[in-house]
Amino acid sequence: MTAPAHARTSADLIRAEEPVLAHNYHPLPVVVARAEGAWVEDVEGRRYLDMLAGYSALNFGHRHPALIQAAHDQLDRLTLTSRAFHNDRLAEFAERLAALTGLDMVLPMNTGAEAVESGIKVARKWAYDVKGVPEGQATIVVAADNFHGRTTTIVSFSTDETARAGFGPFTPGFRIVPYNDLAALEEAVDETTAAVLIEPIQGEAGVIIPDEGYLTGVRELTRRKGCLFIADEIQSGLGRTGRTLAVEHESVVPDVLLLGKALGGGIVPVSAVVARREVMGVLGPGEHGSTFGGNPLAAAVGTAVVGLLETGEFQRRADELGLVLREGLEALRGHGVSGFRARGLWAGVDVDPALGTGREISERLMREGILVKDTHGSTIRLAPPLTVTADELRSALGTLEKVLGQAG
């Protein structure tokens, strides 16, 4: 007989997954059972400081009381209607999200990858209906080393062979240029280009921050060439970088904005495409949809998330605590850290390869009560909940210093 989950050890539960769970992830060997704020607890009661925050899905921490209350209240009333009917939560969610982002119309979806797929469809429809690109010839320009999801269409324009190998044939219609290279972008955009799709900061690539002026240049180029600027802020948006959106660091407003992860508050999957009216207006009934997109539970939680961001508190926290993070990492430069890139409470940290891979460093930190995740090679990423304290950050950086010292 299988023991109940609460009576099984971490090792038991990890072994139980092996024969029945698809092996599409390689998680750290920790089994989380409870969480609150910036802390999680495993089945044996060991506590860990969460410095990953669900890849930014938990910007407001685990079980933020305002978000939990919004979910509880909605669970007692209505959870799903499908978009066959209206529901009483969706209008407010769309109105406040549009106002928060400075755009006009919202297409609610569920996951980040769905938002990207939906943004691609909207851009292509706009290219045919408004720009006049011949049917079937629309192209979208993307950046190398991007991460926008793992659906078949999205991996078609990935340069990560782990994501691509074995999944072809691939969807045509994409041109890949180097990130942070305006000259290459200029050359790639032509009369068939529907949109330029980029991450304002490339998260999965290692928190790669473009040069000052790059986003402004993308905005100017797309206007001049008559195509759309789509900003994928699924990881970088909603307070993570010290602004509501990462594009705000250059006062840029895209034509289309892709949001997800933190929009669901770590409770339910919520994503959205937010766009100018003349762009989103190309969609008509039956041309796109989602049974769960815009469901009342998601709309209630999403509205509560927008409410937290409307105060500006979390953006300020990320900005101020980001200085603590940068100072701590700067002190480690040359002492096991060969380099880092940080904006707000988000950092990609390059560890001296002689001290171990990113995976090995992550495992050592786990054993010391700090949860992070590697990206590529010897790079780890730090993205704690925006509710983390300065003391907790300093403690985590002290533990990183200890682990790197032991590895040396």
Protein backbone atom coordinates (compact mmCIF):
# COMPACT_ATOMS: atom_id res chain seq x y z
CA MET A 1 0.00 0.00 0.00
CA THR A 2 1.26 3.48 -0.86
CA ALA A 3 1.90 5.62 2.20
CA PRO A 4 0.08 8.95 2.38
CA ALA A 5 2.18 11.85 1.06
CA HIS A 6 2.45 13.48 4.50
CA ALA A 7 3.96 10.27 5.93
CA ARG A 8 6.58 9.82 3.23
CA THR A 9 10.11 11.22 3.25
CA SER A 10 11.60 13.40 0.53
CA ALA A 11 13.58 10.43 -0.75
CA ASP A 12 10.39 8.29 -0.85
CA LEU A 13 8.51 10.92 -2.83
CA ILE A 14 11.33 11.51 -5.29
CA ARG A 15 11.60 7.77 -5.94
CA ALA A 16 7.82 7.53 -6.37
CA GLU A 17 7.92 10.10 -9.17
CA GLU A 18 10.47 8.23 -11.26
CA PRO A 19 8.26 5.57 -12.91
CA VAL A 20 5.11 7.68 -13.35
CA LEU A 21 6.15 11.29 -14.05
CA ALA A 22 7.49 12.47 -17.41
CA HIS A 23 11.19 13.28 -17.14
CA ASN A 24 10.96 16.73 -18.73
CA TYR A 25 12.45 18.41 -15.64
CA HIS A 26 15.54 17.82 -13.53
CA PRO A 27 14.50 19.40 -10.23
CA LEU A 28 16.74 19.87 -7.24
CA PRO A 29 16.21 17.04 -4.71
CA VAL A 30 13.99 19.00 -2.32
CA VAL A 31 10.29 18.20 -1.79
CA VAL A 32 8.38 21.30 -0.76
CA ALA A 33 5.28 20.80 1.37
CA ARG A 34 4.49 24.24 2.82
CA ALA A 35 5.40 27.86 2.14
CA GLU A 36 4.88 31.38 3.43
CA GLY A 37 6.35 34.62 2.13
CA ALA A 38 9.91 34.06 0.99
CA TRP A 39 10.29 30.72 2.80
CA VAL A 40 9.41 27.13 1.95
CA GLU A 41 9.50 24.00 4.07
CA ASP A 42 10.11 20.43 2.95
CA VAL A 43 8.28 17.31 4.13
CA GLU A 44 10.81 16.78 6.91
CA GLY A 45 10.32 20.33 8.20
CA ARG A 46 13.58 21.83 6.89
CA ARG A 47 13.20 25.49 5.88
CA TYR A 48 14.71 27.14 2.80
CA LEU A 49 14.87 30.73 1.59
CA ASP A 50 13.32 30.74 -1.88
CA MET A 51 15.63 32.76 -4.14
CA LEU A 52 13.91 31.63 -7.35
CA ALA A 53 10.25 32.54 -6.70
CA GLY A 54 8.86 30.18 -9.32
CA TYR A 55 10.81 31.88 -12.14
CA SER A 56 9.10 35.17 -11.08
CA ALA A 57 5.61 33.63 -10.79
CA LEU A 58 5.85 34.30 -7.04
CA ASN A 59 6.86 37.96 -7.15
CA PHE A 60 4.57 38.66 -4.18
CA GLY A 61 5.79 35.70 -2.17
CA HIS A 62 4.12 32.43 -1.32
CA ARG A 63 0.49 32.76 -0.24
CA HIS A 64 0.33 36.55 -0.10
CA PRO A 65 -2.67 37.22 2.17
CA ALA A 66 -4.42 39.64 -0.21
CA LEU A 67 -4.15 37.18 -3.07
CA ILE A 68 -5.20 34.18 -0.99
CA GLN A 69 -8.21 36.16 0.27
CA ALA A 70 -9.21 37.10 -3.28
CA ALA A 71 -9.01 33.44 -4.32
CA HIS A 72 -10.96 32.22 -1.28
CA ASP A 73 -13.69 34.80 -1.79
CA GLN A 74 -14.06 33.90 -5.47
CA LEU A 75 -14.03 30.14 -4.80
CA ASP A 76 -17.17 30.64 -2.73
CA ARG A 77 -18.95 32.36 -5.62
CA LEU A 78 -17.94 31.27 -9.14
CA THR A 79 -14.88 29.69 -10.75
CA LEU A 80 -15.60 29.12 -14.44
CA THR A 81 -18.15 30.06 -17.07
CA SER A 82 -16.02 29.77 -20.24
CA ARG A 83 -16.13 32.74 -22.58
CA ALA A 84 -19.49 31.52 -23.90
CA PHE A 85 -20.91 33.88 -21.26
CA HIS A 86 -19.82 37.06 -19.52
CA ASN A 87 -18.67 36.94 -15.91
CA ASP A 88 -18.75 39.68 -13.31
CA ARG A 89 -14.98 39.75 -12.67
CA LEU A 90 -13.49 40.06 -16.13
CA ALA A 91 -14.28 43.68 -17.00
CA GLU A 92 -12.56 45.10 -13.92
CA PHE A 93 -9.51 42.90 -14.47
CA ALA A 94 -9.16 44.03 -18.08
CA GLU A 95 -9.77 47.71 -17.29
CA ARG A 96 -7.23 47.86 -14.50
CA LEU A 97 -4.58 45.80 -16.31
CA ALA A 98 -4.87 48.02 -19.39
CA ALA A 99 -4.56 51.13 -17.22
CA LEU A 100 -1.56 49.71 -15.35
CA THR A 101 0.31 49.03 -18.59
CA GLY A 102 -0.75 52.14 -20.49
CA LEU A 103 -2.34 50.13 -23.29
CA ASP A 104 -5.94 49.68 -24.43
CA MET A 105 -7.20 46.12 -24.80
CA VAL A 106 -6.61 42.80 -23.04
CA LEU A 107 -6.76 39.26 -24.38
CA PRO A 108 -6.80 36.98 -21.30
CA MET A 109 -5.14 33.60 -21.53
CA ASN A 110 -3.66 31.09 -19.06
CA THR A 111 0.04 30.33 -19.49
CA GLY A 112 2.94 32.41 -20.68
CA ALA A 113 3.42 30.25 -23.75
CA GLU A 114 -0.24 30.79 -24.64
CA ALA A 115 0.28 34.53 -24.38
CA VAL A 116 3.24 34.31 -26.78
CA GLU A 117 1.32 32.13 -29.24
CA SER A 118 -1.62 34.53 -29.04
CA GLY A 119 0.63 37.54 -29.57
CA ILE A 120 2.07 35.89 -32.68
CA LYS A 121 -1.43 35.30 -34.07
CA VAL A 122 -2.51 38.88 -33.37
CA ALA A 123 0.63 40.25 -35.05
CA ARG A 124 0.14 38.12 -38.15
CA LYS A 125 -3.53 39.06 -38.42
CA TRP A 126 -2.60 42.74 -38.09
CA ALA A 127 0.04 42.33 -40.81
CA TYR A 128 -2.51 40.91 -43.25
CA ASP A 129 -5.49 43.10 -42.37
CA VAL A 130 -3.78 46.42 -41.66
CA LYS A 131 -0.25 46.45 -43.07
CA GLY A 132 -1.22 44.61 -46.24
CA VAL A 133 1.35 41.82 -46.17
CA PRO A 134 0.36 39.14 -48.71
CA GLU A 135 -1.41 36.19 -47.07
CA GLY A 136 1.00 33.56 -45.72
CA GLN A 137 4.10 35.75 -46.02
CA ALA A 138 4.22 37.54 -42.66
CA THR A 139 7.50 37.24 -40.76
CA ILE A 140 8.42 37.93 -37.15
CA VAL A 141 11.95 38.88 -36.12
CA VAL A 142 13.22 37.41 -32.83
CA ALA A 143 16.49 37.40 -30.89
CA ALA A 144 18.99 34.58 -30.53
CA ASP A 145 19.14 32.91 -27.10
CA ASN A 146 15.52 33.84 -26.50
CA PHE A 147 13.15 31.98 -24.23
CA HIS A 148 9.46 32.44 -24.94
CA GLY A 149 8.14 28.97 -24.06
CA ARG A 150 8.27 25.42 -25.36
CA THR A 151 5.30 24.92 -27.69
CA THR A 152 6.04 23.70 -31.21
CA THR A 153 5.77 27.14 -32.78
CA ILE A 154 7.89 28.78 -30.09
CA VAL A 155 10.72 26.24 -30.22
CA SER A 156 10.71 26.80 -33.99
CA PHE A 157 12.50 30.09 -33.34
CA SER A 158 14.60 28.98 -30.36
CA THR A 159 18.36 28.65 -30.66
CA ASP A 160 18.50 26.19 -27.75
CA GLU A 161 19.02 22.76 -29.28
CA THR A 162 17.80 21.03 -26.11
CA ALA A 163 14.42 22.67 -26.68
CA ARG A 164 14.43 21.98 -30.45
CA ALA A 165 16.08 18.64 -31.12
CA GLY A 166 13.59 15.93 -32.00
CA PHE A 167 10.54 18.20 -32.25
CA GLY A 168 10.49 19.24 -35.91
CA PRO A 169 9.20 19.98 -38.48
CA PHE A 170 9.22 23.57 -37.35
CA THR A 171 6.88 26.47 -37.99
CA PRO A 172 8.21 28.87 -40.63
CA GLY A 173 7.94 32.66 -40.61
CA PHE A 174 10.66 33.69 -38.14
CA ARG A 175 14.00 35.43 -38.55
CA ILE A 176 16.60 35.22 -35.79
CA VAL A 177 19.08 38.02 -35.17
CA PRO A 178 21.62 38.56 -32.37
CA TYR A 179 20.20 40.13 -29.22
CA ASN A 180 21.25 43.71 -28.45
CA ASP A 181 22.24 44.34 -32.08
CA LEU A 182 20.23 47.13 -33.71
CA ALA A 183 22.17 46.92 -36.98
CA ALA A 184 21.28 43.25 -37.42
CA LEU A 185 17.67 44.02 -36.56
CA GLU A 186 17.54 46.80 -39.13
CA GLU A 187 18.79 44.43 -41.80
CA ALA A 188 16.28 41.70 -40.92
CA VAL A 189 13.14 43.86 -40.95
CA ASP A 190 11.47 44.28 -44.34
CA GLU A 191 8.03 44.82 -45.88
CA THR A 192 6.89 41.34 -44.76
CA THR A 193 7.74 41.92 -41.10
CA ALA A 194 4.70 41.82 -38.85
CA ALA A 195 6.58 42.33 -35.58
CA VAL A 196 9.80 42.30 -33.64
CA LEU A 197 9.39 40.02 -30.61
CA ILE A 198 11.97 40.36 -27.84
CA GLU A 199 12.46 40.03 -24.11
CA PRO A 200 13.51 43.40 -22.64
CA ILE A 201 15.82 41.31 -20.45
CA GLN A 202 16.64 37.75 -21.48
CA GLY A 203 15.93 35.69 -18.36
CA GLU A 204 16.64 32.08 -19.27
CA ALA A 205 19.80 33.12 -21.11
CA GLY A 206 21.25 34.32 -17.81
CA VAL A 207 19.53 37.66 -17.08
CA ILE A 208 21.08 39.36 -20.10
CA ILE A 209 20.49 43.12 -19.95
CA PRO A 210 20.83 44.98 -23.25
CA ASP A 211 22.83 48.17 -23.69
CA GLU A 212 21.19 51.43 -22.71
CA GLY A 213 19.29 52.67 -25.74
CA TYR A 214 18.62 49.26 -27.27
CA LEU A 215 14.93 49.17 -26.36
CA THR A 216 14.53 52.77 -27.48
CA GLY A 217 16.19 51.81 -30.75
CA VAL A 218 13.85 48.83 -31.22
CA ARG A 219 10.87 51.11 -30.62
CA GLU A 220 12.12 53.72 -33.10
CA LEU A 221 13.01 51.13 -35.74
CA THR A 222 9.66 49.34 -35.58
CA ARG A 223 7.78 52.63 -35.90
CA ARG A 224 9.91 53.70 -38.84
CA LYS A 225 9.62 50.34 -40.60
CA GLY A 226 5.88 50.02 -39.98
CA CYS A 227 5.84 46.87 -37.86
CA LEU A 228 4.88 46.03 -34.28
CA PHE A 229 7.08 45.91 -31.20
CA ILE A 230 6.07 42.95 -29.01
CA ALA A 231 7.69 42.92 -25.55
CA ASP A 232 7.68 39.59 -23.73
CA GLU A 233 7.57 40.65 -20.07
CA ILE A 234 6.38 37.30 -18.75
CA GLN A 235 9.46 37.03 -16.50
CA SER A 236 10.71 40.62 -16.43
CA GLY A 237 7.39 42.34 -15.80
CA LEU A 238 5.14 43.11 -12.84
CA GLY A 239 7.66 44.61 -10.47
CA ARG A 240 10.64 42.29 -10.87
CA THR A 241 13.12 44.89 -12.15
CA GLY A 242 12.05 47.81 -9.96
CA ARG A 243 9.47 49.05 -12.45
CA THR A 244 6.06 47.70 -13.34
CA LEU A 245 7.57 46.74 -16.72
CA ALA A 246 11.20 46.40 -17.72
CA VAL A 247 10.62 48.57 -20.81
CA GLU A 248 9.92 51.46 -18.45
CA HIS A 249 13.65 51.71 -17.74
CA GLU A 250 13.84 53.37 -21.16
CA SER A 251 10.34 54.93 -21.09
CA VAL A 252 9.31 52.70 -23.98
CA VAL A 253 5.73 51.64 -24.70
CA PRO A 254 5.43 48.60 -27.00
CA ASP A 255 2.51 47.94 -29.32
CA VAL A 256 1.91 44.53 -27.75
CA LEU A 257 2.81 43.37 -24.26
CA LEU A 258 2.94 39.73 -23.11
CA LEU A 259 2.36 39.03 -19.43
CA GLY A 260 2.09 35.88 -17.33
CA LYS A 261 3.74 34.20 -14.32
CA ALA A 262 3.29 36.80 -11.52
CA LEU A 263 -0.08 37.86 -12.98
CA GLY A 264 -1.54 34.74 -11.33
CA GLY A 265 0.03 35.51 -7.97
CA GLY A 266 1.45 32.00 -7.68
CA ILE A 267 -2.10 30.68 -7.24
CA VAL A 268 -3.58 30.08 -10.69
CA PRO A 269 -2.12 30.35 -14.20
CA VAL A 270 -3.02 33.76 -15.64
CA SER A 271 -1.53 35.39 -18.71
CA ALA A 272 -2.53 38.17 -21.06
CA VAL A 273 -1.78 39.89 -24.31
CA VAL A 274 -2.23 43.64 -23.83
CA ALA A 275 -2.13 45.84 -26.91
CA ARG A 276 -3.11 49.05 -28.62
CA ARG A 277 -6.73 49.08 -29.76
CA GLU A 278 -5.90 49.25 -33.46
CA VAL A 279 -3.78 46.10 -33.08
CA MET A 280 -6.00 43.96 -30.85
CA GLY A 281 -9.04 45.12 -32.76
CA VAL A 282 -8.18 42.82 -35.67
CA LEU A 283 -9.55 39.81 -33.77
CA GLY A 284 -13.15 38.82 -34.35
CA PRO A 285 -15.41 36.21 -32.73
CA GLY A 286 -14.24 32.66 -33.33
CA GLU A 287 -10.76 33.63 -34.50
CA HIS A 288 -9.08 32.90 -31.18
CA GLY A 289 -10.18 31.61 -27.81
CA SER A 290 -9.58 29.74 -24.57
CA THR A 291 -12.03 27.86 -22.36
CA PHE A 292 -10.26 28.94 -19.18
CA GLY A 293 -8.83 32.27 -20.36
CA GLY A 294 -10.42 35.09 -18.37
CA ASN A 295 -12.21 32.73 -15.97
CA PRO A 296 -13.67 34.39 -12.86
CA LEU A 297 -11.16 32.88 -10.44
CA ALA A 298 -8.22 33.97 -12.59
CA ALA A 299 -9.73 37.42 -13.08
CA ALA A 300 -10.26 37.85 -9.32
CA VAL A 301 -6.66 36.88 -8.51
CA GLY A 302 -5.31 38.92 -11.43
CA THR A 303 -7.24 41.98 -10.27
CA ALA A 304 -5.76 41.56 -6.78
CA VAL A 305 -2.27 41.35 -8.33
CA VAL A 306 -2.89 44.57 -10.25
CA GLY A 307 -4.08 46.12 -7.01
CA LEU A 308 -0.76 45.32 -5.31
CA LEU A 309 1.16 46.86 -8.20
CA GLU A 310 -1.03 49.98 -8.32
CA THR A 311 0.40 51.01 -4.93
CA GLY A 312 3.97 51.06 -6.28
CA GLU A 313 5.20 49.34 -3.10
CA PHE A 314 6.62 46.27 -4.80
CA GLN A 315 8.33 48.21 -7.55
CA ARG A 316 10.02 50.37 -4.88
CA ARG A 317 11.05 47.31 -2.88
CA ALA A 318 12.61 45.67 -5.93
CA ASP A 319 14.46 48.88 -6.77
CA GLU A 320 15.77 49.47 -3.23
CA LEU A 321 16.58 45.85 -2.41
CA GLY A 322 18.19 45.51 -5.81
CA LEU A 323 20.93 47.80 -4.51
CA VAL A 324 21.54 45.37 -1.62
CA LEU A 325 21.72 42.50 -4.10
CA ARG A 326 24.15 44.33 -6.38
CA GLU A 327 26.39 45.40 -3.49
CA GLY A 328 26.54 41.84 -2.18
CA LEU A 329 27.39 40.40 -5.58
CA GLU A 330 29.98 43.10 -6.24
CA ALA A 331 31.72 42.09 -3.02
CA LEU A 332 31.93 38.52 -4.35
CA ARG A 333 33.42 39.53 -7.68
CA GLY A 334 36.80 37.84 -7.92
CA HIS A 335 35.95 35.65 -4.94
CA GLY A 336 34.22 32.88 -6.84
CA VAL A 337 31.98 35.17 -8.89
CA SER A 338 33.49 36.04 -12.27
CA GLY A 339 30.68 38.39 -13.26
CA PHE A 340 27.01 39.17 -12.84
CA ARG A 341 24.13 41.11 -14.37
CA ALA A 342 21.40 42.51 -12.15
CA ARG A 343 18.36 44.74 -12.42
CA GLY A 344 16.01 45.10 -9.50
CA LEU A 345 15.65 41.81 -7.66
CA TRP A 346 16.88 39.74 -10.59
CA ALA A 347 20.44 38.62 -11.23
CA GLY A 348 22.39 36.22 -13.36
CA VAL A 349 25.56 35.22 -11.50
CA ASP A 350 28.53 33.69 -13.32
CA VAL A 351 30.46 31.40 -10.99
CA ASP A 352 34.09 30.52 -11.69
CA PRO A 353 33.76 27.22 -13.63
CA ALA A 354 36.63 25.79 -11.59
CA LEU A 355 34.31 25.84 -8.57
CA GLY A 356 31.55 23.81 -10.20
CA THR A 357 28.67 23.91 -12.62
CA GLY A 358 25.58 25.99 -11.94
CA ARG A 359 23.78 22.78 -11.02
CA GLU A 360 26.47 21.81 -8.50
CA ILE A 361 26.46 25.26 -6.90
CA SER A 362 22.65 25.15 -6.70
CA GLU A 363 22.78 21.77 -4.94
CA ARG A 364 25.36 23.05 -2.44
CA LEU A 365 23.24 26.11 -1.71
CA MET A 366 20.19 23.87 -1.25
CA ARG A 367 22.03 21.91 1.41
CA GLU A 368 22.66 25.22 3.19
CA GLY A 369 18.99 26.25 3.05
CA ILE A 370 19.00 28.49 -0.05
CA LEU A 371 17.05 27.60 -3.20
CA VAL A 372 18.30 28.89 -6.55
CA LYS A 373 18.42 27.41 -10.05
CA ASP A 374 21.11 27.28 -12.69
CA THR A 375 20.69 28.44 -16.27
CA HIS A 376 23.63 27.46 -18.47
CA GLY A 377 27.13 26.32 -17.62
CA SER A 378 28.22 27.85 -14.32
CA THR A 379 25.57 30.57 -14.19
CA ILE A 380 22.91 30.68 -11.48
CA ARG A 381 19.98 33.07 -11.32
CA LEU A 382 18.65 34.88 -8.29
CA ALA A 383 15.04 36.09 -8.30
CA PRO A 384 13.67 36.16 -4.74
CA PRO A 385 10.10 37.19 -3.97
CA LEU A 386 9.75 40.96 -3.79
CA THR A 387 8.70 40.44 -0.16
CA VAL A 388 12.21 39.33 0.82
CA THR A 389 13.95 41.49 3.43
CA ALA A 390 17.37 43.10 3.25
CA ASP A 391 18.58 40.84 6.07
CA GLU A 392 17.36 37.73 4.23
CA LEU A 393 19.14 38.87 1.07
CA ARG A 394 22.38 39.48 2.94
CA SER A 395 22.08 36.09 4.60
CA ALA A 396 21.60 34.39 1.22
CA LEU A 397 24.62 36.20 -0.22
CA GLY A 398 26.65 35.23 2.84
CA THR A 399 25.70 31.62 2.24
CA LEU A 400 26.73 31.95 -1.42
CA GLU A 401 30.10 33.32 -0.26
CA LYS A 402 30.47 30.36 2.13
CA VAL A 403 29.60 27.80 -0.55
CA LEU A 404 32.01 29.35 -3.06
CA GLY A 405 34.73 29.44 -0.42
CA GLN A 406 34.23 25.77 0.36
CA ALA A 407 34.30 24.91 -3.35
CA GLY A 408 37.63 26.68 -3.74
